Amino acid sequence: MKKGKSVKSAAQRRISIIKGQLDGLLRMISEDEYCINLLNQSLAIQNSIKSLDALLLERHLNTHVSEQFQKERDRAVEELLRLFKRVHQ
């Protein structure tokens, strides 16, 4: 993925989309939309968040982890394992 500000702007753009999706879901709930439509919107939000997570993880791997593996390998492994366990709870 891109570096520096381009990753930052991509993350900000994705967060803006997620906020819009959340606002849409809130509106749908207020308007008593059909439950399947609510669930589909909720799943779309979750997928958007996963996409944001992937972007942030890729940036972390490309910037911090490569350096940490050279200087603080144990810390890098521990950090990544902790994150992996949280994802798979």
PDB file of N, CA and C in Angstrom:
ATOM      1  N   MET A   1       0.844  -1.193   0.000  1.00  0.00           N
ATOM      2  CA  MET A   1       0.000   0.000   0.000  1.00  0.00           C
ATOM      3  C   MET A   1       0.873   1.235   0.000  1.00  0.00           C
ATOM      4  N   LYS A   2       0.256   2.360  -0.046  1.00  0.00           N
ATOM      5  CA  LYS A   2       0.948   3.644  -0.085  1.00  0.00           C
ATOM      6  C   LYS A   2       1.621   3.934   1.249  1.00  0.00           C
ATOM      7  N   LYS A   3       2.470   4.941   1.251  1.00  0.00           N
ATOM      8  CA  LYS A   3       3.173   5.288   2.484  1.00  0.00           C
ATOM      9  C   LYS A   3       2.719   6.633   3.019  1.00  0.00           C
ATOM     10  N   GLY A   4       3.060   6.876   4.301  1.00  0.00           N
ATOM     11  CA  GLY A   4       2.883   8.181   4.921  1.00  0.00           C
ATOM     12  C   GLY A   4       1.503   8.773   4.809  1.00  0.00           C
ATOM     13  N   LYS A   5       1.442   9.983   4.272  1.00  0.00           N
ATOM     14  CA  LYS A   5       0.184  10.715   4.205  1.00  0.00           C
ATOM     15  C   LYS A   5      -0.860  10.019   3.352  1.00  0.00           C
ATOM     16  N   SER A   6      -0.454   9.299   2.316  1.00  0.00           N
ATOM     17  CA  SER A   6      -1.439   8.635   1.475  1.00  0.00           C
ATOM     18  C   SER A   6      -2.170   7.534   2.249  1.00  0.00           C
ATOM     19  N   VAL A   7      -1.476   6.827   3.122  1.00  0.00           N
ATOM     20  CA  VAL A   7      -2.127   5.835   3.982  1.00  0.00           C
ATOM     21  C   VAL A   7      -3.038   6.555   4.965  1.00  0.00           C
ATOM     22  N   LYS A   8      -2.548   7.654   5.502  1.00  0.00           N
ATOM     23  CA  LYS A   8      -3.350   8.438   6.435  1.00  0.00           C
ATOM     24  C   LYS A   8      -4.627   8.931   5.766  1.00  0.00           C
ATOM     25  N   SER A   9      -4.518   9.456   4.561  1.00  0.00           N
ATOM     26  CA  SER A   9      -5.708   9.960   3.881  1.00  0.00           C
ATOM     27  C   SER A   9      -6.640   8.813   3.479  1.00  0.00           C
ATOM     28  N   ALA A  10      -6.074   7.657   3.112  1.00  0.00           N
ATOM     29  CA  ALA A  10      -6.903   6.493   2.791  1.00  0.00           C
ATOM     30  C   ALA A  10      -7.672   6.031   4.028  1.00  0.00           C
ATOM     31  N   ALA A  11      -7.005   6.013   5.181  1.00  0.00           N
ATOM     32  CA  ALA A  11      -7.667   5.625   6.430  1.00  0.00           C
ATOM     33  C   ALA A  11      -8.759   6.633   6.792  1.00  0.00           C
ATOM     34  N   GLN A  12      -8.462   7.904   6.644  1.00  0.00           N
ATOM     35  CA  GLN A  12      -9.467   8.929   6.945  1.00  0.00           C
ATOM     36  C   GLN A  12     -10.670   8.799   6.016  1.00  0.00           C
ATOM     37  N   ARG A  13     -10.410   8.515   4.758  1.00  0.00           N
ATOM     38  CA  ARG A  13     -11.490   8.340   3.780  1.00  0.00           C
ATOM     39  C   ARG A  13     -12.364   7.147   4.171  1.00  0.00           C
ATOM     40  N   ARG A  14     -11.732   6.062   4.560  1.00  0.00           N
ATOM     41  CA  ARG A  14     -12.489   4.873   4.966  1.00  0.00           C
ATOM     42  C   ARG A  14     -13.308   5.135   6.221  1.00  0.00           C
ATOM     43  N   ILE A  15     -12.764   5.885   7.153  1.00  0.00           N
ATOM     44  CA  ILE A  15     -13.503   6.215   8.373  1.00  0.00           C
ATOM     45  C   ILE A  15     -14.710   7.086   8.038  1.00  0.00           C
ATOM     46  N   SER A  16     -14.549   8.010   7.110  1.00  0.00           N
ATOM     47  CA  SER A  16     -15.690   8.839   6.680  1.00  0.00           C
ATOM     48  C   SER A  16     -16.791   7.972   6.075  1.00  0.00           C
ATOM     49  N   ILE A  17     -16.393   6.985   5.301  1.00  0.00           N
ATOM     50  CA  ILE A  17     -17.372   6.062   4.723  1.00  0.00           C
ATOM     51  C   ILE A  17     -18.083   5.282   5.819  1.00  0.00           C
ATOM     52  N   ILE A  18     -17.327   4.799   6.780  1.00  0.00           N
ATOM     53  CA  ILE A  18     -17.904   4.040   7.895  1.00  0.00           C
ATOM     54  C   ILE A  18     -18.882   4.911   8.678  1.00  0.00           C
ATOM     55  N   LYS A  19     -18.504   6.162   8.924  1.00  0.00           N
ATOM     56  CA  LYS A  19     -19.412   7.071   9.632  1.00  0.00           C
ATOM     57  C   LYS A  19     -20.712   7.234   8.852  1.00  0.00           C
ATOM     58  N   GLY A  20     -20.607   7.372   7.533  1.00  0.00           N
ATOM     59  CA  GLY A  20     -21.798   7.483   6.703  1.00  0.00           C
ATOM     60  C   GLY A  20     -22.657   6.230   6.766  1.00  0.00           C
ATOM     61  N   GLN A  21     -22.002   5.077   6.761  1.00  0.00           N
ATOM     62  CA  GLN A  21     -22.734   3.812   6.867  1.00  0.00           C
ATOM     63  C   GLN A  21     -23.443   3.703   8.221  1.00  0.00           C
ATOM     64  N   LEU A  22     -22.771   4.133   9.283  1.00  0.00           N
ATOM     65  CA  LEU A  22     -23.382   4.104  10.615  1.00  0.00           C
ATOM     66  C   LEU A  22     -24.578   5.042  10.684  1.00  0.00           C
ATOM     67  N   ASP A  23     -24.424   6.232  10.116  1.00  0.00           N
ATOM     68  CA  ASP A  23     -25.547   7.171  10.080  1.00  0.00           C
ATOM     69  C   ASP A  23     -26.722   6.571   9.314  1.00  0.00           C
ATOM     70  N   GLY A  24     -26.411   5.898   8.204  1.00  0.00           N
ATOM     71  CA  GLY A  24     -27.453   5.244   7.416  1.00  0.00           C
ATOM     72  C   GLY A  24     -28.159   4.162   8.211  1.00  0.00           C
ATOM     73  N   LEU A  25     -27.394   3.376   8.953  1.00  0.00           N
ATOM     74  CA  LEU A  25     -27.986   2.323   9.785  1.00  0.00           C
ATOM     75  C   LEU A  25     -28.874   2.927  10.863  1.00  0.00           C
ATOM     76  N   LEU A  26     -28.408   3.979  11.490  1.00  0.00           N
ATOM     77  CA  LEU A  26     -29.207   4.651  12.513  1.00  0.00           C
ATOM     78  C   LEU A  26     -30.522   5.150  11.924  1.00  0.00           C
ATOM     79  N   ARG A  27     -30.446   5.741  10.739  1.00  0.00           N
ATOM     80  CA  ARG A  27     -31.657   6.226  10.067  1.00  0.00           C
ATOM     81  C   ARG A  27     -32.595   5.059   9.749  1.00  0.00           C
ATOM     82  N   MET A  28     -32.017   3.972   9.263  1.00  0.00           N
ATOM     83  CA  MET A  28     -32.826   2.793   8.931  1.00  0.00           C
ATOM     84  C   MET A  28     -33.536   2.235  10.159  1.00  0.00           C
ATOM     85  N   ILE A  29     -32.839   2.229  11.286  1.00  0.00           N
ATOM     86  CA  ILE A  29     -33.449   1.749  12.532  1.00  0.00           C
ATOM     87  C   ILE A  29     -34.588   2.679  12.932  1.00  0.00           C
ATOM     88  N   SER A  30     -34.348   3.987  12.856  1.00  0.00           N
ATOM     89  CA  SER A  30     -35.386   4.973  13.193  1.00  0.00           C
ATOM     90  C   SER A  30     -36.613   4.826  12.311  1.00  0.00           C
ATOM     91  N   GLU A  31     -36.394   4.435  11.067  1.00  0.00           N
ATOM     92  CA  GLU A  31     -37.492   4.294  10.107  1.00  0.00           C
ATOM     93  C   GLU A  31     -38.080   2.882  10.095  1.00  0.00           C
ATOM     94  N   ASP A  32     -37.696   2.071  11.082  1.00  0.00           N
ATOM     95  CA  ASP A  32     -38.205   0.701  11.214  1.00  0.00           C
ATOM     96  C   ASP A  32     -38.051  -0.123   9.944  1.00  0.00           C
ATOM     97  N   GLU A  33     -36.867  -0.047   9.344  1.00  0.00           N
ATOM     98  CA  GLU A  33     -36.572  -0.838   8.142  1.00  0.00           C
ATOM     99  C   GLU A  33     -36.667  -2.331   8.457  1.00  0.00           C
ATOM    100  N   TYR A  34     -36.834  -3.097   7.428  1.00  0.00           N
ATOM    101  CA  TYR A  34     -36.876  -4.554   7.502  1.00  0.00           C
ATOM    102  C   TYR A  34     -35.560  -5.069   8.102  1.00  0.00           C
ATOM    103  N   CYS A  35     -35.677  -6.026   9.008  1.00  0.00           N
ATOM    104  CA  CYS A  35     -34.514  -6.520   9.768  1.00  0.00           C
ATOM    105  C   CYS A  35     -33.371  -7.004   8.872  1.00  0.00           C
ATOM    106  N   ILE A  36     -33.692  -7.687   7.785  1.00  0.00           N
ATOM    107  CA  ILE A  36     -32.642  -8.175   6.890  1.00  0.00           C
ATOM    108  C   ILE A  36     -31.859  -6.998   6.302  1.00  0.00           C
ATOM    109  N   ASN A  37     -32.546  -5.918   5.980  1.00  0.00           N
ATOM    110  CA  ASN A  37     -31.859  -4.725   5.464  1.00  0.00           C
ATOM    111  C   ASN A  37     -30.928  -4.141   6.524  1.00  0.00           C
ATOM    112  N   LEU A  38     -31.375  -4.143   7.778  1.00  0.00           N
ATOM    113  CA  LEU A  38     -30.529  -3.654   8.878  1.00  0.00           C
ATOM    114  C   LEU A  38     -29.289  -4.534   9.019  1.00  0.00           C
ATOM    115  N   LEU A  39     -29.492  -5.835   8.974  1.00  0.00           N
ATOM    116  CA  LEU A  39     -28.368  -6.763   9.103  1.00  0.00           C
ATOM    117  C   LEU A  39     -27.401  -6.621   7.936  1.00  0.00           C
ATOM    118  N   ASN A  40     -27.929  -6.458   6.734  1.00  0.00           N
ATOM    119  CA  ASN A  40     -27.048  -6.255   5.580  1.00  0.00           C
ATOM    120  C   ASN A  40     -26.222  -4.984   5.730  1.00  0.00           C
ATOM    121  N   GLN A  41     -26.824  -3.929   6.234  1.00  0.00           N
ATOM    122  CA  GLN A  41     -26.086  -2.683   6.456  1.00  0.00           C
ATOM    123  C   GLN A  41     -25.031  -2.873   7.544  1.00  0.00           C
ATOM    124  N   SER A  42     -25.396  -3.562   8.597  1.00  0.00           N
ATOM    125  CA  SER A  42     -24.453  -3.836   9.686  1.00  0.00           C
ATOM    126  C   SER A  42     -23.266  -4.657   9.180  1.00  0.00           C
ATOM    127  N   LEU A  43     -23.529  -5.639   8.348  1.00  0.00           N
ATOM    128  CA  LEU A  43     -22.447  -6.454   7.783  1.00  0.00           C
ATOM    129  C   LEU A  43     -21.560  -5.631   6.866  1.00  0.00           C
ATOM    130  N   ALA A  44     -22.151  -4.714   6.118  1.00  0.00           N
ATOM    131  CA  ALA A  44     -21.354  -3.832   5.264  1.00  0.00           C
ATOM    132  C   ALA A  44     -20.416  -2.976   6.115  1.00  0.00           C
ATOM    133  N   ILE A  45     -20.922  -2.501   7.250  1.00  0.00           N
ATOM    134  CA  ILE A  45     -20.100  -1.705   8.168  1.00  0.00           C
ATOM    135  C   ILE A  45     -18.950  -2.550   8.706  1.00  0.00           C
ATOM    136  N   GLN A  46     -19.250  -3.767   9.104  1.00  0.00           N
ATOM    137  CA  GLN A  46     -18.203  -4.645   9.628  1.00  0.00           C
ATOM    138  C   GLN A  46     -17.136  -4.928   8.577  1.00  0.00           C
ATOM    139  N   ASN A  47     -17.555  -5.122   7.338  1.00  0.00           N
ATOM    140  CA  ASN A  47     -16.585  -5.347   6.263  1.00  0.00           C
ATOM    141  C   ASN A  47     -15.733  -4.108   6.018  1.00  0.00           C
ATOM    142  N   SER A  48     -16.345  -2.937   6.122  1.00  0.00           N
ATOM    143  CA  SER A  48     -15.581  -1.689   5.968  1.00  0.00           C
ATOM    144  C   SER A  48     -14.551  -1.542   7.073  1.00  0.00           C
ATOM    145  N   ILE A  49     -14.920  -1.920   8.275  1.00  0.00           N
ATOM    146  CA  ILE A  49     -13.985  -1.853   9.398  1.00  0.00           C
ATOM    147  C   ILE A  49     -12.844  -2.856   9.196  1.00  0.00           C
ATOM    148  N   LYS A  50     -13.166  -4.037   8.691  1.00  0.00           N
ATOM    149  CA  LYS A  50     -12.116  -5.024   8.403  1.00  0.00           C
ATOM    150  C   LYS A  50     -11.149  -4.492   7.345  1.00  0.00           C
ATOM    151  N   SER A  51     -11.694  -3.797   6.366  1.00  0.00           N
ATOM    152  CA  SER A  51     -10.853  -3.207   5.330  1.00  0.00           C
ATOM    153  C   SER A  51      -9.923  -2.151   5.924  1.00  0.00           C
ATOM    154  N   LEU A  52     -10.447  -1.339   6.834  1.00  0.00           N
ATOM    155  CA  LEU A  52      -9.631  -0.349   7.538  1.00  0.00           C
ATOM    156  C   LEU A  52      -8.554  -1.049   8.365  1.00  0.00           C
ATOM    157  N   ASP A  53      -8.943  -2.102   9.070  1.00  0.00           N
ATOM    158  CA  ASP A  53      -7.971  -2.867   9.864  1.00  0.00           C
ATOM    159  C   ASP A  53      -6.840  -3.391   8.993  1.00  0.00           C
ATOM    160  N   ALA A  54      -7.188  -3.914   7.823  1.00  0.00           N
ATOM    161  CA  ALA A  54      -6.173  -4.458   6.913  1.00  0.00           C
ATOM    162  C   ALA A  54      -5.211  -3.361   6.459  1.00  0.00           C
ATOM    163  N   LEU A  55      -5.749  -2.193   6.168  1.00  0.00           N
ATOM    164  CA  LEU A  55      -4.905  -1.057   5.766  1.00  0.00           C
ATOM    165  C   LEU A  55      -3.943  -0.669   6.879  1.00  0.00           C
ATOM    166  N   LEU A  56      -4.464  -0.570   8.101  1.00  0.00           N
ATOM    167  CA  LEU A  56      -3.633  -0.191   9.244  1.00  0.00           C
ATOM    168  C   LEU A  56      -2.582  -1.255   9.552  1.00  0.00           C
ATOM    169  N   LEU A  57      -2.971  -2.528   9.450  1.00  0.00           N
ATOM    170  CA  LEU A  57      -2.014  -3.606   9.705  1.00  0.00           C
ATOM    171  C   LEU A  57      -0.915  -3.614   8.651  1.00  0.00           C
ATOM    172  N   GLU A  58      -1.293  -3.432   7.397  1.00  0.00           N
ATOM    173  CA  GLU A  58      -0.289  -3.388   6.332  1.00  0.00           C
ATOM    174  C   GLU A  58       0.709  -2.260   6.574  1.00  0.00           C
ATOM    175  N   ARG A  59       0.213  -1.103   6.966  1.00  0.00           N
ATOM    176  CA  ARG A  59       1.103   0.022   7.257  1.00  0.00           C
ATOM    177  C   ARG A  59       2.043  -0.324   8.414  1.00  0.00           C
ATOM    178  N   HIS A  60       1.482  -0.925   9.459  1.00  0.00           N
ATOM    179  CA  HIS A  60       2.294  -1.287  10.618  1.00  0.00           C
ATOM    180  C   HIS A  60       3.386  -2.289  10.223  1.00  0.00           C
ATOM    181  N   LEU A  61       3.007  -3.284   9.434  1.00  0.00           N
ATOM    182  CA  LEU A  61       3.994  -4.279   9.004  1.00  0.00           C
ATOM    183  C   LEU A  61       5.088  -3.646   8.158  1.00  0.00           C
ATOM    184  N   ASN A  62       4.721  -2.744   7.278  1.00  0.00           N
ATOM    185  CA  ASN A  62       5.696  -2.117   6.386  1.00  0.00           C
ATOM    186  C   ASN A  62       6.573  -1.080   7.072  1.00  0.00           C
ATOM    187  N   THR A  63       6.103  -0.507   8.148  1.00  0.00           N
ATOM    188  CA  THR A  63       6.882   0.549   8.801  1.00  0.00           C
ATOM    189  C   THR A  63       7.530   0.059  10.084  1.00  0.00           C
ATOM    190  N   HIS A  64       6.760  -0.306  11.052  1.00  0.00           N
ATOM    191  CA  HIS A  64       7.291  -0.609  12.378  1.00  0.00           C
ATOM    192  C   HIS A  64       7.829  -2.024  12.539  1.00  0.00           C
ATOM    193  N   VAL A  65       7.107  -3.000  12.033  1.00  0.00           N
ATOM    194  CA  VAL A  65       7.484  -4.393  12.305  1.00  0.00           C
ATOM    195  C   VAL A  65       8.820  -4.757  11.670  1.00  0.00           C
ATOM    196  N   SER A  66       9.044  -4.331  10.448  1.00  0.00           N
ATOM    197  CA  SER A  66      10.318  -4.678   9.814  1.00  0.00           C
ATOM    198  C   SER A  66      11.499  -4.163  10.635  1.00  0.00           C
ATOM    199  N   GLU A  67      11.364  -2.970  11.166  1.00  0.00           N
ATOM    200  CA  GLU A  67      12.427  -2.411  12.013  1.00  0.00           C
ATOM    201  C   GLU A  67      12.488  -3.125  13.361  1.00  0.00           C
ATOM    202  N   GLN A  68      11.318  -3.403  13.946  1.00  0.00           N
ATOM    203  CA  GLN A  68      11.287  -4.085  15.245  1.00  0.00           C
ATOM    204  C   GLN A  68      11.924  -5.465  15.160  1.00  0.00           C
ATOM    205  N   PHE A  69      11.717  -6.172  14.066  1.00  0.00           N
ATOM    206  CA  PHE A  69      12.306  -7.505  13.936  1.00  0.00           C
ATOM    207  C   PHE A  69      13.827  -7.455  13.952  1.00  0.00           C
ATOM    208  N   GLN A  70      14.398  -6.355  13.528  1.00  0.00           N
ATOM    209  CA  GLN A  70      15.851  -6.220  13.551  1.00  0.00           C
ATOM    210  C   GLN A  70      16.352  -5.839  14.939  1.00  0.00           C
ATOM    211  N   LYS A  71      15.573  -5.020  15.654  1.00  0.00           N
ATOM    212  CA  LYS A  71      16.049  -4.485  16.933  1.00  0.00           C
ATOM    213  C   LYS A  71      15.386  -5.133  18.148  1.00  0.00           C
ATOM    214  N   GLU A  72      14.113  -5.447  18.050  1.00  0.00           N
ATOM    215  CA  GLU A  72      13.357  -5.976  19.188  1.00  0.00           C
ATOM    216  C   GLU A  72      12.467  -7.130  18.725  1.00  0.00           C
ATOM    217  N   ARG A  73      13.073  -8.172  18.228  1.00  0.00           N
ATOM    218  CA  ARG A  73      12.331  -9.278  17.634  1.00  0.00           C
ATOM    219  C   ARG A  73      11.290  -9.850  18.579  1.00  0.00           C
ATOM    220  N   ASP A  74      11.651 -10.119  19.829  1.00  0.00           N
ATOM    221  CA  ASP A  74      10.713 -10.719  20.788  1.00  0.00           C
ATOM    222  C   ASP A  74       9.484  -9.836  20.995  1.00  0.00           C
ATOM    223  N   ARG A  75       9.711  -8.542  21.099  1.00  0.00           N
ATOM    224  CA  ARG A  75       8.597  -7.608  21.286  1.00  0.00           C
ATOM    225  C   ARG A  75       7.677  -7.627  20.065  1.00  0.00           C
ATOM    226  N   ALA A  76       8.250  -7.629  18.887  1.00  0.00           N
ATOM    227  CA  ALA A  76       7.463  -7.635  17.653  1.00  0.00           C
ATOM    228  C   ALA A  76       6.614  -8.901  17.560  1.00  0.00           C
ATOM    229  N   VAL A  77       7.212 -10.034  17.857  1.00  0.00           N
ATOM    230  CA  VAL A  77       6.485 -11.308  17.807  1.00  0.00           C
ATOM    231  C   VAL A  77       5.356 -11.303  18.835  1.00  0.00           C
ATOM    232  N   GLU A  78       5.656 -10.873  20.047  1.00  0.00           N
ATOM    233  CA  GLU A  78       4.655 -10.824  21.113  1.00  0.00           C
ATOM    234  C   GLU A  78       3.474  -9.922  20.729  1.00  0.00           C
ATOM    235  N   GLU A  79       3.788  -8.771  20.185  1.00  0.00           N
ATOM    236  CA  GLU A  79       2.765  -7.810  19.769  1.00  0.00           C
ATOM    237  C   GLU A  79       1.863  -8.403  18.680  1.00  0.00           C
ATOM    238  N   LEU A  80       2.465  -9.026  17.696  1.00  0.00           N
ATOM    239  CA  LEU A  80       1.697  -9.618  16.601  1.00  0.00           C
ATOM    240  C   LEU A  80       0.876 -10.813  17.073  1.00  0.00           C
ATOM    241  N   LEU A  81       1.411 -11.615  17.961  1.00  0.00           N
ATOM    242  CA  LEU A  81       0.652 -12.746  18.510  1.00  0.00           C
ATOM    243  C   LEU A  81      -0.545 -12.262  19.320  1.00  0.00           C
ATOM    244  N   ARG A  82      -0.345 -11.236  20.108  1.00  0.00           N
ATOM    245  CA  ARG A  82      -1.438 -10.666  20.903  1.00  0.00           C
ATOM    246  C   ARG A  82      -2.556 -10.167  19.979  1.00  0.00           C
ATOM    247  N   LEU A  83      -2.170  -9.492  18.917  1.00  0.00           N
ATOM    248  CA  LEU A  83      -3.146  -8.992  17.956  1.00  0.00           C
ATOM    249  C   LEU A  83      -3.866 -10.155  17.268  1.00  0.00           C
ATOM    250  N   PHE A  84      -3.114 -11.157  16.848  1.00  0.00           N
ATOM    251  CA  PHE A  84      -3.697 -12.325  16.195  1.00  0.00           C
ATOM    252  C   PHE A  84      -4.730 -12.994  17.099  1.00  0.00           C
ATOM    253  N   LYS A  85      -4.407 -13.149  18.371  1.00  0.00           N
ATOM    254  CA  LYS A  85      -5.336 -13.777  19.325  1.00  0.00           C
ATOM    255  C   LYS A  85      -6.597 -12.945  19.497  1.00  0.00           C
ATOM    256  N   ARG A  86      -6.479 -11.622  19.501  1.00  0.00           N
ATOM    257  CA  ARG A  86      -7.657 -10.759  19.614  1.00  0.00           C
ATOM    258  C   ARG A  86      -8.558 -10.902  18.393  1.00  0.00           C
ATOM    259  N   VAL A  87      -7.947 -11.000  17.219  1.00  0.00           N
ATOM    260  CA  VAL A  87      -8.719 -11.142  15.991  1.00  0.00           C
ATOM    261  C   VAL A  87      -9.490 -12.461  15.985  1.00  0.00           C
ATOM    262  N   HIS A  88      -8.906 -13.501  16.557  1.00  0.00           N
ATOM    263  CA  HIS A  88      -9.502 -14.833  16.498  1.00  0.00           C
ATOM    264  C   HIS A  88     -10.171 -15.263  17.796  1.00  0.00           C
ATOM    265  N   GLN A  89     -10.653 -14.346  18.565  1.00  0.00           N
ATOM    266  CA  GLN A  89     -11.380 -14.683  19.797  1.00  0.00           C
ATOM    267  C   GLN A  89     -12.772 -15.171  19.467  1.00  0.00           C
TER     268      GLN A  89
END
